Amino acid sequence: MRTITGLDELKAAEGEVLGTSDWHEVTQKDVDTFADVTGDHQWIHVDPDRAKDTPFGGTIAHGYLTLSLGPALNNQVFALEGFAFALNYGLNKVRFPAPVPVPSKVRASPKLKEITDVPGGAQCVFEVTFEREGGDKPVCVAETVVRVYTG
């Protein structure tokens, strides 16, 4: 776990991969719960019998489920301290280059891609790469935008 304290230290980390999270298991129960919460019950996610006949050989996790693991996985990698508060500002770009078969383990590696000054603080763009254990390419690459405020 890396702790970044204050704006100067945050700016010094620009361009760095901040670390890699632990592996997180994605289960069918997780996928089913996500489907219930979002209303996305597309069969490739929730019908293991039907999904057996796809090239994936079973169900796959929703891309947005993978993306939603970002905060928990990033919190294992780094913490921001010395700020009045931080908030999610949005996303620049999200891609899902490979599926997450169920069950699978995924982890995230956030990189502080860029930091720019904004009134009262800074805007950070993190490029978060999610990989699947045993996979040969990322399952998600997302540019997340976070604003930190100093006072």
C-alpha atoms as a PDB file:
ATOM      1  CA  MET A   1       0.000   0.000   0.000  1.00  0.00           C
ATOM      2  CA  ARG A   2       1.401   3.334  -1.052  1.00  0.00           C
ATOM      3  CA  THR A   3       0.355   6.501   0.754  1.00  0.00           C
ATOM      4  CA  ILE A   4       0.607   9.728  -1.223  1.00  0.00           C
ATOM      5  CA  THR A   5       0.520  12.736   1.075  1.00  0.00           C
ATOM      6  CA  GLY A   6      -0.239  16.155  -0.322  1.00  0.00           C
ATOM      7  CA  LEU A   7      -0.219  17.781  -3.703  1.00  0.00           C
ATOM      8  CA  ASP A   8       3.565  17.938  -4.169  1.00  0.00           C
ATOM      9  CA  GLU A   9       3.946  14.210  -3.582  1.00  0.00           C
ATOM     10  CA  LEU A  10       1.013  13.514  -5.888  1.00  0.00           C
ATOM     11  CA  LYS A  11       2.569  15.615  -8.649  1.00  0.00           C
ATOM     12  CA  ALA A  12       5.887  13.786  -8.180  1.00  0.00           C
ATOM     13  CA  ALA A  13       4.108  10.463  -8.847  1.00  0.00           C
ATOM     14  CA  GLU A  14       2.868  11.535 -12.292  1.00  0.00           C
ATOM     15  CA  GLY A  15       3.670   8.867 -14.874  1.00  0.00           C
ATOM     16  CA  GLU A  16       4.147   6.083 -12.309  1.00  0.00           C
ATOM     17  CA  VAL A  17       2.349   2.775 -11.975  1.00  0.00           C
ATOM     18  CA  LEU A  18       1.419   2.999  -8.298  1.00  0.00           C
ATOM     19  CA  GLY A  19       1.328  -0.755  -7.694  1.00  0.00           C
ATOM     20  CA  THR A  20      -0.876  -3.782  -8.219  1.00  0.00           C
ATOM     21  CA  SER A  21      -3.814  -4.980  -6.144  1.00  0.00           C
ATOM     22  CA  ASP A  22      -4.408  -8.462  -4.789  1.00  0.00           C
ATOM     23  CA  TRP A  23      -6.346 -10.927  -6.903  1.00  0.00           C
ATOM     24  CA  HIS A  24     -10.132 -10.680  -6.505  1.00  0.00           C
ATOM     25  CA  GLU A  25     -12.347 -13.641  -7.364  1.00  0.00           C
ATOM     26  CA  VAL A  26     -15.383 -12.922  -9.535  1.00  0.00           C
ATOM     27  CA  THR A  27     -18.088 -15.528  -8.864  1.00  0.00           C
ATOM     28  CA  GLN A  28     -21.420 -16.324 -10.480  1.00  0.00           C
ATOM     29  CA  LYS A  29     -23.092 -14.992  -7.328  1.00  0.00           C
ATOM     30  CA  ASP A  30     -21.298 -11.652  -7.878  1.00  0.00           C
ATOM     31  CA  VAL A  31     -22.456 -11.579 -11.497  1.00  0.00           C
ATOM     32  CA  ASP A  32     -26.046 -12.443 -10.568  1.00  0.00           C
ATOM     33  CA  THR A  33     -26.102  -9.774  -7.855  1.00  0.00           C
ATOM     34  CA  PHE A  34     -24.710  -7.190 -10.296  1.00  0.00           C
ATOM     35  CA  ALA A  35     -27.390  -8.187 -12.823  1.00  0.00           C
ATOM     36  CA  ASP A  36     -30.084  -7.687 -10.171  1.00  0.00           C
ATOM     37  CA  VAL A  37     -28.743  -4.282  -9.155  1.00  0.00           C
ATOM     38  CA  THR A  38     -28.354  -2.989 -12.720  1.00  0.00           C
ATOM     39  CA  GLY A  39     -31.256  -4.784 -14.380  1.00  0.00           C
ATOM     40  CA  ASP A  40     -28.851  -6.274 -16.957  1.00  0.00           C
ATOM     41  CA  HIS A  41     -29.896  -9.922 -17.062  1.00  0.00           C
ATOM     42  CA  GLN A  42     -28.436 -10.654 -20.501  1.00  0.00           C
ATOM     43  CA  TRP A  43     -28.113 -14.449 -20.706  1.00  0.00           C
ATOM     44  CA  ILE A  44     -24.356 -14.495 -21.429  1.00  0.00           C
ATOM     45  CA  HIS A  45     -23.938 -13.277 -17.836  1.00  0.00           C
ATOM     46  CA  VAL A  46     -26.649 -15.130 -15.922  1.00  0.00           C
ATOM     47  CA  ASP A  47     -27.508 -18.384 -17.734  1.00  0.00           C
ATOM     48  CA  PRO A  48     -24.648 -20.874 -17.263  1.00  0.00           C
ATOM     49  CA  ASP A  49     -26.429 -23.630 -19.220  1.00  0.00           C
ATOM     50  CA  ARG A  50     -27.049 -21.510 -22.304  1.00  0.00           C
ATOM     51  CA  ALA A  51     -23.614 -19.856 -22.057  1.00  0.00           C
ATOM     52  CA  LYS A  52     -21.886 -23.267 -22.236  1.00  0.00           C
ATOM     53  CA  ASP A  53     -22.535 -23.234 -25.993  1.00  0.00           C
ATOM     54  CA  THR A  54     -20.667 -19.946 -26.587  1.00  0.00           C
ATOM     55  CA  PRO A  55     -16.980 -19.574 -27.456  1.00  0.00           C
ATOM     56  CA  PHE A  56     -16.465 -18.647 -23.781  1.00  0.00           C
ATOM     57  CA  GLY A  57     -17.723 -22.028 -22.552  1.00  0.00           C
ATOM     58  CA  GLY A  58     -19.734 -20.412 -19.777  1.00  0.00           C
ATOM     59  CA  THR A  59     -20.912 -17.117 -18.401  1.00  0.00           C
ATOM     60  CA  ILE A  60     -18.788 -13.981 -18.447  1.00  0.00           C
ATOM     61  CA  ALA A  61     -18.848 -11.039 -16.062  1.00  0.00           C
ATOM     62  CA  HIS A  62     -20.411  -7.766 -17.135  1.00  0.00           C
ATOM     63  CA  GLY A  63     -17.769  -5.317 -18.301  1.00  0.00           C
ATOM     64  CA  TYR A  64     -19.214  -2.744 -15.945  1.00  0.00           C
ATOM     65  CA  LEU A  65     -18.891  -5.208 -13.067  1.00  0.00           C
ATOM     66  CA  THR A  66     -15.176  -5.415 -13.791  1.00  0.00           C
ATOM     67  CA  LEU A  67     -14.966  -1.620 -13.972  1.00  0.00           C
ATOM     68  CA  SER A  68     -16.897  -1.260 -10.699  1.00  0.00           C
ATOM     69  CA  LEU A  69     -14.173  -3.214  -8.889  1.00  0.00           C
ATOM     70  CA  GLY A  70     -11.811  -0.300  -9.530  1.00  0.00           C
ATOM     71  CA  PRO A  71     -12.354   1.625  -6.290  1.00  0.00           C
ATOM     72  CA  ALA A  72     -11.913  -1.426  -4.044  1.00  0.00           C
ATOM     73  CA  LEU A  73      -8.869  -2.686  -5.939  1.00  0.00           C
ATOM     74  CA  ASN A  74      -7.277   0.768  -6.205  1.00  0.00           C
ATOM     75  CA  ASN A  75      -7.778   1.260  -2.454  1.00  0.00           C
ATOM     76  CA  GLN A  76      -5.524  -1.764  -1.911  1.00  0.00           C
ATOM     77  CA  VAL A  77      -2.799  -0.069  -3.967  1.00  0.00           C
ATOM     78  CA  PHE A  78      -2.728   3.551  -2.815  1.00  0.00           C
ATOM     79  CA  ALA A  79      -4.234   6.080  -0.437  1.00  0.00           C
ATOM     80  CA  LEU A  80      -4.423   9.841  -0.801  1.00  0.00           C
ATOM     81  CA  GLU A  81      -3.846  11.814   2.390  1.00  0.00           C
ATOM     82  CA  GLY A  82      -3.397  15.479   3.189  1.00  0.00           C
ATOM     83  CA  PHE A  83      -6.369  16.609   1.124  1.00  0.00           C
ATOM     84  CA  ALA A  84      -9.657  18.096   2.316  1.00  0.00           C
ATOM     85  CA  PHE A  85     -11.442  15.582   0.075  1.00  0.00           C
ATOM     86  CA  ALA A  86     -11.279  13.712  -3.204  1.00  0.00           C
ATOM     87  CA  LEU A  87     -14.071  12.747  -5.560  1.00  0.00           C
ATOM     88  CA  ASN A  88     -14.642  10.792  -8.733  1.00  0.00           C
ATOM     89  CA  TYR A  89     -15.021  13.243 -11.593  1.00  0.00           C
ATOM     90  CA  GLY A  90     -15.686  10.793 -14.408  1.00  0.00           C
ATOM     91  CA  LEU A  91     -14.129   8.615 -17.051  1.00  0.00           C
ATOM     92  CA  ASN A  92     -12.307   9.537 -20.233  1.00  0.00           C
ATOM     93  CA  LYS A  93     -12.150   6.168 -21.919  1.00  0.00           C
ATOM     94  CA  VAL A  94     -13.050   2.580 -21.060  1.00  0.00           C
ATOM     95  CA  ARG A  95     -12.341  -0.551 -23.080  1.00  0.00           C
ATOM     96  CA  PHE A  96     -12.959  -4.249 -22.400  1.00  0.00           C
ATOM     97  CA  PRO A  97     -10.353  -6.018 -24.595  1.00  0.00           C
ATOM     98  CA  ALA A  98     -11.025  -9.499 -23.185  1.00  0.00           C
ATOM     99  CA  PRO A  99     -13.851 -11.234 -21.300  1.00  0.00           C
ATOM    100  CA  VAL A 100     -13.847 -12.310 -17.655  1.00  0.00           C
ATOM    101  CA  PRO A 101     -15.061 -15.926 -17.616  1.00  0.00           C
ATOM    102  CA  VAL A 102     -16.878 -16.917 -14.437  1.00  0.00           C
ATOM    103  CA  PRO A 103     -15.222 -17.806 -12.124  1.00  0.00           C
ATOM    104  CA  SER A 104     -11.994 -15.820 -12.582  1.00  0.00           C
ATOM    105  CA  LYS A 105      -9.600 -13.758 -10.544  1.00  0.00           C
ATOM    106  CA  VAL A 106      -8.837 -10.178 -11.548  1.00  0.00           C
ATOM    107  CA  ARG A 107      -6.514  -7.482 -10.260  1.00  0.00           C
ATOM    108  CA  ALA A 108      -5.814  -3.842 -11.075  1.00  0.00           C
ATOM    109  CA  SER A 109      -2.710  -1.751 -11.658  1.00  0.00           C
ATOM    110  CA  PRO A 110      -3.376   2.003 -11.527  1.00  0.00           C
ATOM    111  CA  LYS A 111      -0.991   4.448 -13.203  1.00  0.00           C
ATOM    112  CA  LEU A 112      -1.131   8.173 -12.481  1.00  0.00           C
ATOM    113  CA  LYS A 113      -1.210   9.190 -16.132  1.00  0.00           C
ATOM    114  CA  GLU A 114      -1.511  12.949 -15.716  1.00  0.00           C
ATOM    115  CA  ILE A 115      -2.197  15.615 -13.148  1.00  0.00           C
ATOM    116  CA  THR A 116      -3.313  19.169 -13.814  1.00  0.00           C
ATOM    117  CA  ASP A 117      -4.110  22.075 -11.530  1.00  0.00           C
ATOM    118  CA  VAL A 118      -7.737  23.059 -11.011  1.00  0.00           C
ATOM    119  CA  PRO A 119      -9.048  25.779  -8.697  1.00  0.00           C
ATOM    120  CA  GLY A 120      -8.613  24.517  -5.137  1.00  0.00           C
ATOM    121  CA  GLY A 121      -6.653  21.384  -6.027  1.00  0.00           C
ATOM    122  CA  ALA A 122      -5.784  19.089  -8.894  1.00  0.00           C
ATOM    123  CA  GLN A 123      -7.351  16.780 -11.435  1.00  0.00           C
ATOM    124  CA  CYS A 124      -5.757  13.346 -11.778  1.00  0.00           C
ATOM    125  CA  VAL A 125      -6.200  10.923 -14.646  1.00  0.00           C
ATOM    126  CA  PHE A 126      -5.487   7.344 -13.619  1.00  0.00           C
ATOM    127  CA  GLU A 127      -5.062   4.684 -16.280  1.00  0.00           C
ATOM    128  CA  VAL A 128      -6.253   1.527 -14.542  1.00  0.00           C
ATOM    129  CA  THR A 129      -5.419  -1.773 -16.193  1.00  0.00           C
ATOM    130  CA  PHE A 130      -7.380  -4.815 -15.048  1.00  0.00           C
ATOM    131  CA  GLU A 131      -5.991  -8.249 -15.822  1.00  0.00           C
ATOM    132  CA  ARG A 132      -7.343 -11.763 -15.389  1.00  0.00           C
ATOM    133  CA  GLU A 133      -5.240 -14.455 -13.808  1.00  0.00           C
ATOM    134  CA  GLY A 134      -4.019 -16.631 -16.676  1.00  0.00           C
ATOM    135  CA  GLY A 135      -5.214 -14.162 -19.317  1.00  0.00           C
ATOM    136  CA  ASP A 136      -3.009 -12.928 -22.125  1.00  0.00           C
ATOM    137  CA  LYS A 137      -4.425  -9.415 -22.449  1.00  0.00           C
ATOM    138  CA  PRO A 138      -6.202  -6.910 -20.194  1.00  0.00           C
ATOM    139  CA  VAL A 139      -9.889  -7.403 -19.425  1.00  0.00           C
ATOM    140  CA  CYS A 140     -10.446  -3.688 -18.886  1.00  0.00           C
ATOM    141  CA  VAL A 141      -8.433  -0.517 -19.387  1.00  0.00           C
ATOM    142  CA  ALA A 142     -10.040   2.625 -18.005  1.00  0.00           C
ATOM    143  CA  GLU A 143      -9.019   6.244 -17.649  1.00  0.00           C
ATOM    144  CA  THR A 144     -10.624   7.413 -14.431  1.00  0.00           C
ATOM    145  CA  VAL A 145     -10.654  11.075 -13.456  1.00  0.00           C
ATOM    146  CA  VAL A 146     -10.358  12.072  -9.793  1.00  0.00           C
ATOM    147  CA  ARG A 147     -10.282  15.545  -8.340  1.00  0.00           C
ATOM    148  CA  VAL A 148      -8.474  16.282  -5.092  1.00  0.00           C
ATOM    149  CA  TYR A 149      -9.034  19.464  -3.123  1.00  0.00           C
ATOM    150  CA  THR A 150      -6.614  20.996  -0.675  1.00  0.00           C
ATOM    151  CA  GLY A 151      -8.758  23.323   1.354  1.00  0.00           C
END
